[in-house]
Amino acid sequence: MRRPAVDPRVALAVDLALLVFVWHLAATSLDRSFLPTPWTVLVTFVSEVQGPLLTHGWASLRRVLLSVLAGSAAAAPLAVLAAESRLVDSFLSPLVYFLYPTPKIVFLPIIVFLLGLGDPSIVFLISLIVFFQVYVIVRDALARVPAATLDSMAALGGGRRHRLRYLYAPLSAAAVLTALKVSVGTSIAVLFIAEAIGNNVGLGYYIVVDQWNRFAYPKVYAGVLAIAVLGSALFGIISWLEARATRWQGAR
């Protein structure tokens, strides 16, 4: 793997400094209430974290974690089963690939009608996003296993149990983490919309309903910052886990 020209941490620090500089320049030049300065937002963020923002942030984090667990737990075994059984794959995969490109947010009215407003509908909706992403990536990863590898394992006496343990399990773990890294941004975006429409707690509700409607713009930006921190933290943790799960690939 080619090394980056600049340390990623240094590049991130420079990028953030430039962003804050441009933001401050725009805020002071426009002098509008809807665009507070970065310092105002930071002070508001620190103040709100000690109060309602922590409660709303925890609610959003809990929903994302539940959705990730539910979606992954449902999709990964089905993807492995599809890799093991041509019959299952021939019936299941066409349906999954047909629905995969559809934005899952369009199912929100149906889900709310069936499950009502609140956590069940939000968690189910985000679980759908995770499910399709995990199934597609895991299934494709297992489908790329060379036939020679499977033949060699069979020649050495390896059966289905050995394939699952020594081949499919490590490949699936790495593929699940890759899928989660890809889907975290979409999941956070859908979470924001769902919380703003049909809930009374969560970062989406805090930003749109609780603050935007009251024109409390510094608190709106503080909520946006909280979502950015949440998404970046999840992405960083998943990337770290993915790197550890795929160390064996670099040793091949």
C-alpha atoms as a PDB file:
ATOM      1  CA  MET A   1       0.000   0.000   0.000  1.00  0.00           C
ATOM      2  CA  ARG A   2       1.343   3.407  -0.969  1.00  0.00           C
ATOM      3  CA  ARG A   3       1.920   5.724   1.981  1.00  0.00           C
ATOM      4  CA  PRO A   4       0.178   9.115   1.970  1.00  0.00           C
ATOM      5  CA  ALA A   5       2.342  12.132   1.180  1.00  0.00           C
ATOM      6  CA  VAL A   6       1.207  13.843   4.397  1.00  0.00           C
ATOM      7  CA  ASP A   7       0.375  12.361   7.781  1.00  0.00           C
ATOM      8  CA  PRO A   8      -3.449  12.023   7.862  1.00  0.00           C
ATOM      9  CA  ARG A   9      -3.613  13.659  11.288  1.00  0.00           C
ATOM     10  CA  VAL A  10      -1.647  16.663  10.060  1.00  0.00           C
ATOM     11  CA  ALA A  11      -3.818  16.888   6.943  1.00  0.00           C
ATOM     12  CA  LEU A  12      -6.988  16.727   9.060  1.00  0.00           C
ATOM     13  CA  ALA A  13      -5.718  19.485  11.357  1.00  0.00           C
ATOM     14  CA  VAL A  14      -4.918  21.706   8.370  1.00  0.00           C
ATOM     15  CA  ASP A  15      -8.306  21.009   6.761  1.00  0.00           C
ATOM     16  CA  LEU A  16     -10.174  21.824   9.968  1.00  0.00           C
ATOM     17  CA  ALA A  17      -8.154  25.004  10.459  1.00  0.00           C
ATOM     18  CA  LEU A  18      -8.991  26.140   6.919  1.00  0.00           C
ATOM     19  CA  LEU A  19     -12.666  25.287   7.434  1.00  0.00           C
ATOM     20  CA  VAL A  20     -12.827  27.253  10.684  1.00  0.00           C
ATOM     21  CA  PHE A  21     -11.009  30.197   9.082  1.00  0.00           C
ATOM     22  CA  VAL A  22     -13.396  30.360   6.117  1.00  0.00           C
ATOM     23  CA  TRP A  23     -16.368  29.906   8.436  1.00  0.00           C
ATOM     24  CA  HIS A  24     -15.196  32.718  10.736  1.00  0.00           C
ATOM     25  CA  LEU A  25     -14.517  34.983   7.768  1.00  0.00           C
ATOM     26  CA  ALA A  26     -17.990  34.363   6.350  1.00  0.00           C
ATOM     27  CA  ALA A  27     -19.698  34.827   9.728  1.00  0.00           C
ATOM     28  CA  THR A  28     -17.968  38.129  10.476  1.00  0.00           C
ATOM     29  CA  SER A  29     -18.427  39.435   6.926  1.00  0.00           C
ATOM     30  CA  LEU A  30     -22.125  38.611   6.608  1.00  0.00           C
ATOM     31  CA  ASP A  31     -22.982  39.483  10.208  1.00  0.00           C
ATOM     32  CA  ARG A  32     -26.199  37.470  10.113  1.00  0.00           C
ATOM     33  CA  SER A  33     -27.854  35.699  13.020  1.00  0.00           C
ATOM     34  CA  PHE A  34     -28.220  32.468  11.012  1.00  0.00           C
ATOM     35  CA  LEU A  35     -24.419  32.156  10.679  1.00  0.00           C
ATOM     36  CA  PRO A  36     -22.773  32.406  14.115  1.00  0.00           C
ATOM     37  CA  THR A  37     -19.001  32.356  14.501  1.00  0.00           C
ATOM     38  CA  PRO A  38     -17.180  29.081  15.215  1.00  0.00           C
ATOM     39  CA  TRP A  39     -16.340  30.301  18.721  1.00  0.00           C
ATOM     40  CA  THR A  40     -20.009  30.998  19.477  1.00  0.00           C
ATOM     41  CA  VAL A  41     -20.951  27.528  18.270  1.00  0.00           C
ATOM     42  CA  LEU A  42     -18.177  25.904  20.307  1.00  0.00           C
ATOM     43  CA  VAL A  43     -19.219  27.711  23.493  1.00  0.00           C
ATOM     44  CA  THR A  44     -22.843  26.748  22.863  1.00  0.00           C
ATOM     45  CA  PHE A  45     -21.842  23.144  22.166  1.00  0.00           C
ATOM     46  CA  VAL A  46     -19.918  22.848  25.437  1.00  0.00           C
ATOM     47  CA  SER A  47     -22.844  24.356  27.329  1.00  0.00           C
ATOM     48  CA  GLU A  48     -25.461  22.152  25.651  1.00  0.00           C
ATOM     49  CA  VAL A  49     -23.428  18.964  26.087  1.00  0.00           C
ATOM     50  CA  GLN A  50     -23.805  19.433  29.817  1.00  0.00           C
ATOM     51  CA  GLY A  51     -27.568  19.600  29.355  1.00  0.00           C
ATOM     52  CA  PRO A  52     -30.091  18.458  26.716  1.00  0.00           C
ATOM     53  CA  LEU A  53     -27.598  17.727  23.927  1.00  0.00           C
ATOM     54  CA  LEU A  54     -26.138  14.802  25.862  1.00  0.00           C
ATOM     55  CA  THR A  55     -29.582  13.230  26.253  1.00  0.00           C
ATOM     56  CA  HIS A  56     -30.422  13.666  22.575  1.00  0.00           C
ATOM     57  CA  GLY A  57     -26.988  12.431  21.492  1.00  0.00           C
ATOM     58  CA  TRP A  58     -27.261   9.294  23.596  1.00  0.00           C
ATOM     59  CA  ALA A  59     -30.689   8.530  22.123  1.00  0.00           C
ATOM     60  CA  SER A  60     -29.290   8.805  18.584  1.00  0.00           C
ATOM     61  CA  LEU A  61     -26.216   6.708  19.405  1.00  0.00           C
ATOM     62  CA  ARG A  62     -28.357   3.990  20.982  1.00  0.00           C
ATOM     63  CA  ARG A  63     -30.568   3.799  17.899  1.00  0.00           C
ATOM     64  CA  VAL A  64     -27.593   3.550  15.562  1.00  0.00           C
ATOM     65  CA  LEU A  65     -25.932   0.811  17.615  1.00  0.00           C
ATOM     66  CA  LEU A  66     -29.145  -1.220  17.840  1.00  0.00           C
ATOM     67  CA  SER A  67     -29.670  -0.855  14.092  1.00  0.00           C
ATOM     68  CA  VAL A  68     -26.109  -1.917  13.299  1.00  0.00           C
ATOM     69  CA  LEU A  69     -26.403  -5.005  15.478  1.00  0.00           C
ATOM     70  CA  ALA A  70     -29.826  -5.979  14.123  1.00  0.00           C
ATOM     71  CA  GLY A  71     -28.996  -5.373  10.464  1.00  0.00           C
ATOM     72  CA  SER A  72     -25.632  -7.146  10.612  1.00  0.00           C
ATOM     73  CA  ALA A  73     -26.958 -10.102  12.607  1.00  0.00           C
ATOM     74  CA  ALA A  74     -29.667 -10.670  10.006  1.00  0.00           C
ATOM     75  CA  ALA A  75     -27.633 -10.049   6.847  1.00  0.00           C
ATOM     76  CA  ALA A  76     -24.300 -11.778   7.476  1.00  0.00           C
ATOM     77  CA  PRO A  77     -25.679 -15.300   8.122  1.00  0.00           C
ATOM     78  CA  LEU A  78     -27.974 -15.019   5.098  1.00  0.00           C
ATOM     79  CA  ALA A  79     -25.037 -13.961   2.923  1.00  0.00           C
ATOM     80  CA  VAL A  80     -22.997 -16.947   4.131  1.00  0.00           C
ATOM     81  CA  LEU A  81     -25.975 -19.231   3.514  1.00  0.00           C
ATOM     82  CA  ALA A  82     -26.277 -17.843  -0.015  1.00  0.00           C
ATOM     83  CA  ALA A  83     -22.586 -18.537  -0.580  1.00  0.00           C
ATOM     84  CA  GLU A  84     -23.050 -22.127   0.590  1.00  0.00           C
ATOM     85  CA  SER A  85     -26.310 -22.860  -1.244  1.00  0.00           C
ATOM     86  CA  ARG A  86     -26.911 -22.060  -4.897  1.00  0.00           C
ATOM     87  CA  LEU A  87     -30.631 -22.622  -4.345  1.00  0.00           C
ATOM     88  CA  VAL A  88     -30.802 -20.015  -1.583  1.00  0.00           C
ATOM     89  CA  ASP A  89     -28.644 -17.631  -3.584  1.00  0.00           C
ATOM     90  CA  SER A  90     -30.776 -17.988  -6.716  1.00  0.00           C
ATOM     91  CA  PHE A  91     -33.944 -17.010  -4.824  1.00  0.00           C
ATOM     92  CA  LEU A  92     -32.651 -14.519  -2.247  1.00  0.00           C
ATOM     93  CA  SER A  93     -29.965 -12.512  -4.034  1.00  0.00           C
ATOM     94  CA  PRO A  94     -32.110 -11.291  -6.977  1.00  0.00           C
ATOM     95  CA  LEU A  95     -34.642  -9.820  -4.541  1.00  0.00           C
ATOM     96  CA  VAL A  96     -31.932  -8.181  -2.432  1.00  0.00           C
ATOM     97  CA  TYR A  97     -30.177  -6.711  -5.463  1.00  0.00           C
ATOM     98  CA  PHE A  98     -33.510  -5.491  -6.832  1.00  0.00           C
ATOM     99  CA  LEU A  99     -34.318  -3.582  -3.622  1.00  0.00           C
ATOM    100  CA  TYR A 100     -30.737  -2.543  -2.836  1.00  0.00           C
ATOM    101  CA  PRO A 101     -30.651   0.646  -4.985  1.00  0.00           C
ATOM    102  CA  THR A 102     -33.975   1.880  -3.561  1.00  0.00           C
ATOM    103  CA  PRO A 103     -33.467   4.664  -0.977  1.00  0.00           C
ATOM    104  CA  LYS A 104     -34.722   3.098   2.240  1.00  0.00           C
ATOM    105  CA  ILE A 105     -36.074   6.440   3.477  1.00  0.00           C
ATOM    106  CA  VAL A 106     -39.008   6.005   1.054  1.00  0.00           C
ATOM    107  CA  PHE A 107     -40.242   3.162   3.275  1.00  0.00           C
ATOM    108  CA  LEU A 108     -40.564   5.492   6.274  1.00  0.00           C
ATOM    109  CA  PRO A 109     -44.334   6.174   5.846  1.00  0.00           C
ATOM    110  CA  ILE A 110     -45.058   2.442   5.568  1.00  0.00           C
ATOM    111  CA  ILE A 111     -42.863   1.601   8.548  1.00  0.00           C
ATOM    112  CA  VAL A 112     -44.447   4.334  10.667  1.00  0.00           C
ATOM    113  CA  PHE A 113     -47.903   3.072   9.672  1.00  0.00           C
ATOM    114  CA  LEU A 114     -46.988  -0.463  10.765  1.00  0.00           C
ATOM    115  CA  LEU A 115     -44.830   0.242  13.824  1.00  0.00           C
ATOM    116  CA  GLY A 116     -45.921   3.720  14.839  1.00  0.00           C
ATOM    117  CA  LEU A 117     -43.745   6.676  15.750  1.00  0.00           C
ATOM    118  CA  GLY A 118     -40.742   6.190  17.997  1.00  0.00           C
ATOM    119  CA  ASP A 119     -37.742   3.930  18.361  1.00  0.00           C
ATOM    120  CA  PRO A 120     -39.122   0.772  16.689  1.00  0.00           C
ATOM    121  CA  SER A 121     -39.730   2.491  13.342  1.00  0.00           C
ATOM    122  CA  ILE A 122     -36.404   4.378  13.394  1.00  0.00           C
ATOM    123  CA  VAL A 123     -34.351   1.324  14.364  1.00  0.00           C
ATOM    124  CA  PHE A 124     -36.099  -0.846  11.771  1.00  0.00           C
ATOM    125  CA  LEU A 125     -35.524   1.715   9.013  1.00  0.00           C
ATOM    126  CA  ILE A 126     -31.803   2.062   9.725  1.00  0.00           C
ATOM    127  CA  SER A 127     -31.518  -1.710  10.129  1.00  0.00           C
ATOM    128  CA  LEU A 128     -32.783  -2.033   6.548  1.00  0.00           C
ATOM    129  CA  ILE A 129     -29.956   0.194   5.327  1.00  0.00           C
ATOM    130  CA  VAL A 130     -27.378  -1.852   7.224  1.00  0.00           C
ATOM    131  CA  PHE A 131     -28.945  -5.157   6.167  1.00  0.00           C
ATOM    132  CA  PHE A 132     -28.777  -4.524   2.430  1.00  0.00           C
ATOM    133  CA  GLN A 133     -25.282  -3.040   2.586  1.00  0.00           C
ATOM    134  CA  VAL A 134     -23.909  -5.914   4.667  1.00  0.00           C
ATOM    135  CA  TYR A 135     -25.613  -8.618   2.607  1.00  0.00           C
ATOM    136  CA  VAL A 136     -24.372  -7.285  -0.724  1.00  0.00           C
ATOM    137  CA  ILE A 137     -20.769  -6.740   0.377  1.00  0.00           C
ATOM    138  CA  VAL A 138     -20.457 -10.011   2.322  1.00  0.00           C
ATOM    139  CA  ARG A 139     -22.101 -12.057  -0.414  1.00  0.00           C
ATOM    140  CA  ASP A 140     -19.843 -10.536  -3.078  1.00  0.00           C
ATOM    141  CA  ALA A 141     -16.740 -11.076  -0.929  1.00  0.00           C
ATOM    142  CA  LEU A 142     -17.549 -14.763  -0.473  1.00  0.00           C
ATOM    143  CA  ALA A 143     -18.435 -15.163  -4.148  1.00  0.00           C
ATOM    144  CA  ARG A 144     -14.924 -13.984  -5.071  1.00  0.00           C
ATOM    145  CA  VAL A 145     -13.264 -16.869  -3.234  1.00  0.00           C
ATOM    146  CA  PRO A 146     -11.314 -18.747  -5.948  1.00  0.00           C
ATOM    147  CA  ALA A 147     -12.623 -22.186  -6.792  1.00  0.00           C
ATOM    148  CA  ALA A 148      -9.056 -23.478  -6.426  1.00  0.00           C
ATOM    149  CA  THR A 149      -9.105 -22.446  -2.759  1.00  0.00           C
ATOM    150  CA  LEU A 150     -12.309 -24.374  -2.129  1.00  0.00           C
ATOM    151  CA  ASP A 151     -10.965 -27.398  -4.037  1.00  0.00           C
ATOM    152  CA  SER A 152      -7.721 -27.353  -2.056  1.00  0.00           C
ATOM    153  CA  MET A 153      -9.610 -27.227   1.226  1.00  0.00           C
ATOM    154  CA  ALA A 154     -11.820 -30.120   0.123  1.00  0.00           C
ATOM    155  CA  ALA A 155      -8.773 -32.134  -0.961  1.00  0.00           C
ATOM    156  CA  LEU A 156      -7.311 -31.701   2.517  1.00  0.00           C
ATOM    157  CA  GLY A 157     -10.482 -33.086   4.058  1.00  0.00           C
ATOM    158  CA  GLY A 158     -12.118 -29.799   4.921  1.00  0.00           C
ATOM    159  CA  GLY A 159     -15.886 -29.871   5.002  1.00  0.00           C
ATOM    160  CA  ARG A 160     -18.578 -27.250   5.453  1.00  0.00           C
ATOM    161  CA  ARG A 161     -17.659 -26.669   9.099  1.00  0.00           C
ATOM    162  CA  HIS A 162     -14.045 -25.969   8.156  1.00  0.00           C
ATOM    163  CA  ARG A 163     -15.087 -23.626   5.349  1.00  0.00           C
ATOM    164  CA  LEU A 164     -17.292 -21.676   7.729  1.00  0.00           C
ATOM    165  CA  ARG A 165     -14.672 -21.430  10.461  1.00  0.00           C
ATOM    166  CA  TYR A 166     -11.437 -20.878   8.564  1.00  0.00           C
ATOM    167  CA  LEU A 167     -12.581 -19.209   5.347  1.00  0.00           C
ATOM    168  CA  TYR A 168     -16.031 -17.661   5.488  1.00  0.00           C
ATOM    169  CA  ALA A 169     -15.876 -16.389   9.081  1.00  0.00           C
ATOM    170  CA  PRO A 170     -12.763 -14.178   8.678  1.00  0.00           C
ATOM    171  CA  LEU A 171     -13.859 -12.998   5.240  1.00  0.00           C
ATOM    172  CA  SER A 172     -17.345 -12.188   6.516  1.00  0.00           C
ATOM    173  CA  ALA A 173     -16.054 -10.281   9.550  1.00  0.00           C
ATOM    174  CA  ALA A 174     -13.893  -8.054   7.365  1.00  0.00           C
ATOM    175  CA  ALA A 175     -16.689  -7.563   4.821  1.00  0.00           C
ATOM    176  CA  VAL A 176     -19.231  -6.660   7.530  1.00  0.00           C
ATOM    177  CA  LEU A 177     -16.938  -3.933   8.862  1.00  0.00           C
ATOM    178  CA  THR A 178     -16.363  -2.628   5.335  1.00  0.00           C
ATOM    179  CA  ALA A 179     -20.123  -2.511   4.793  1.00  0.00           C
ATOM    180  CA  LEU A 180     -20.670  -0.688   8.079  1.00  0.00           C
ATOM    181  CA  LYS A 181     -18.021   1.861   7.175  1.00  0.00           C
ATOM    182  CA  VAL A 182     -19.777   2.495   3.875  1.00  0.00           C
ATOM    183  CA  SER A 183     -23.249   2.705   5.393  1.00  0.00           C
ATOM    184  CA  VAL A 184     -22.517   4.813   8.483  1.00  0.00           C
ATOM    185  CA  GLY A 185     -22.952   8.109   6.614  1.00  0.00           C
ATOM    186  CA  THR A 186     -26.267   7.085   5.079  1.00  0.00           C
ATOM    187  CA  SER A 187     -27.467   5.726   8.412  1.00  0.00           C
ATOM    188  CA  ILE A 188     -26.713   9.003  10.204  1.00  0.00           C
ATOM    189  CA  ALA A 189     -28.493  10.988   7.467  1.00  0.00           C
ATOM    190  CA  VAL A 190     -31.606   8.807   7.618  1.00  0.00           C
ATOM    191  CA  LEU A 191     -31.501   8.909  11.416  1.00  0.00           C
ATOM    192  CA  PHE A 192     -31.547  12.711  11.283  1.00  0.00           C
ATOM    193  CA  ILE A 193     -34.581  12.774   8.978  1.00  0.00           C
ATOM    194  CA  ALA A 194     -36.489  10.117  10.920  1.00  0.00           C
ATOM    195  CA  GLU A 195     -35.875  11.785  14.278  1.00  0.00           C
ATOM    196  CA  ALA A 196     -36.916  15.174  12.914  1.00  0.00           C
ATOM    197  CA  ILE A 197     -40.181  13.783  11.545  1.00  0.00           C
ATOM    198  CA  GLY A 198     -41.409  11.282  14.068  1.00  0.00           C
ATOM    199  CA  ASN A 199     -39.833  11.588  17.501  1.00  0.00           C
ATOM    200  CA  ASN A 200     -39.398  13.800  20.516  1.00  0.00           C
ATOM    201  CA  VAL A 201     -35.811  12.925  21.395  1.00  0.00           C
ATOM    202  CA  GLY A 202     -32.635  12.589  19.338  1.00  0.00           C
ATOM    203  CA  LEU A 203     -30.272  14.903  17.502  1.00  0.00           C
ATOM    204  CA  GLY A 204     -32.630  15.263  14.539  1.00  0.00           C
ATOM    205  CA  TYR A 205     -35.433  16.371  16.842  1.00  0.00           C
ATOM    206  CA  TYR A 206     -33.075  18.669  18.760  1.00  0.00           C
ATOM    207  CA  ILE A 207     -31.886  20.458  15.616  1.00  0.00           C
ATOM    208  CA  VAL A 208     -35.081  20.788  13.579  1.00  0.00           C
ATOM    209  CA  VAL A 209     -37.955  20.799  16.050  1.00  0.00           C
ATOM    210  CA  ASP A 210     -36.430  22.009  19.297  1.00  0.00           C
ATOM    211  CA  GLN A 211     -34.016  24.679  18.012  1.00  0.00           C
ATOM    212  CA  TRP A 212     -34.575  25.511  14.325  1.00  0.00           C
ATOM    213  CA  ASN A 213     -38.254  26.301  14.871  1.00  0.00           C
ATOM    214  CA  ARG A 214     -37.233  28.707  17.645  1.00  0.00           C
ATOM    215  CA  PHE A 215     -34.524  30.314  15.469  1.00  0.00           C
ATOM    216  CA  ALA A 216     -31.865  29.350  18.039  1.00  0.00           C
ATOM    217  CA  TYR A 217     -29.160  29.169  15.382  1.00  0.00           C
ATOM    218  CA  PRO A 218     -26.105  28.680  17.647  1.00  0.00           C
ATOM    219  CA  LYS A 219     -27.834  25.634  19.144  1.00  0.00           C
ATOM    220  CA  VAL A 220     -28.726  24.396  15.660  1.00  0.00           C
ATOM    221  CA  TYR A 221     -25.046  24.478  14.705  1.00  0.00           C
ATOM    222  CA  ALA A 222     -24.142  22.852  18.026  1.00  0.00           C
ATOM    223  CA  GLY A 223     -26.481  19.996  17.112  1.00  0.00           C
ATOM    224  CA  VAL A 224     -24.899  19.708  13.671  1.00  0.00           C
ATOM    225  CA  LEU A 225     -21.482  19.565  15.345  1.00  0.00           C
ATOM    226  CA  ALA A 226     -22.767  16.802  17.629  1.00  0.00           C
ATOM    227  CA  ILE A 227     -23.923  14.764  14.622  1.00  0.00           C
ATOM    228  CA  ALA A 228     -20.550  15.304  12.937  1.00  0.00           C
ATOM    229  CA  VAL A 229     -18.747  14.104  16.071  1.00  0.00           C
ATOM    230  CA  LEU A 230     -21.045  11.076  16.332  1.00  0.00           C
ATOM    231  CA  GLY A 231     -20.576  10.095  12.690  1.00  0.00           C
ATOM    232  CA  SER A 232     -16.807  10.647  12.748  1.00  0.00           C
ATOM    233  CA  ALA A 233     -16.418   8.643  15.956  1.00  0.00           C
ATOM    234  CA  LEU A 234     -18.391   5.710  14.567  1.00  0.00           C
ATOM    235  CA  PHE A 235     -16.475   5.830  11.280  1.00  0.00           C
ATOM    236  CA  GLY A 236     -13.145   5.935  13.117  1.00  0.00           C
ATOM    237  CA  ILE A 237     -14.000   3.019  15.399  1.00  0.00           C
ATOM    238  CA  ILE A 238     -15.247   0.891  12.504  1.00  0.00           C
ATOM    239  CA  SER A 239     -12.143   1.733  10.437  1.00  0.00           C
ATOM    240  CA  TRP A 240      -9.908   0.719  13.349  1.00  0.00           C
ATOM    241  CA  LEU A 241     -11.762  -2.574  13.765  1.00  0.00           C
ATOM    242  CA  GLU A 242     -11.606  -3.190  10.015  1.00  0.00           C
ATOM    243  CA  ALA A 243      -7.838  -2.647   9.989  1.00  0.00           C
ATOM    244  CA  ARG A 244      -7.413  -5.170  12.800  1.00  0.00           C
ATOM    245  CA  ALA A 245      -9.761  -7.667  11.148  1.00  0.00           C
ATOM    246  CA  THR A 246      -7.900  -7.511   7.821  1.00  0.00           C
ATOM    247  CA  ARG A 247      -4.318  -7.700   9.111  1.00  0.00           C
ATOM    248  CA  TRP A 248      -4.156 -11.294   7.918  1.00  0.00           C
ATOM    249  CA  GLN A 249      -4.767 -10.133   4.335  1.00  0.00           C
ATOM    250  CA  GLY A 250      -1.613  -8.039   4.368  1.00  0.00           C
ATOM    251  CA  ALA A 251       0.350 -11.033   5.629  1.00  0.00           C
ATOM    252  CA  ARG A 252      -0.606 -13.253   2.706  1.00  0.00           C
END
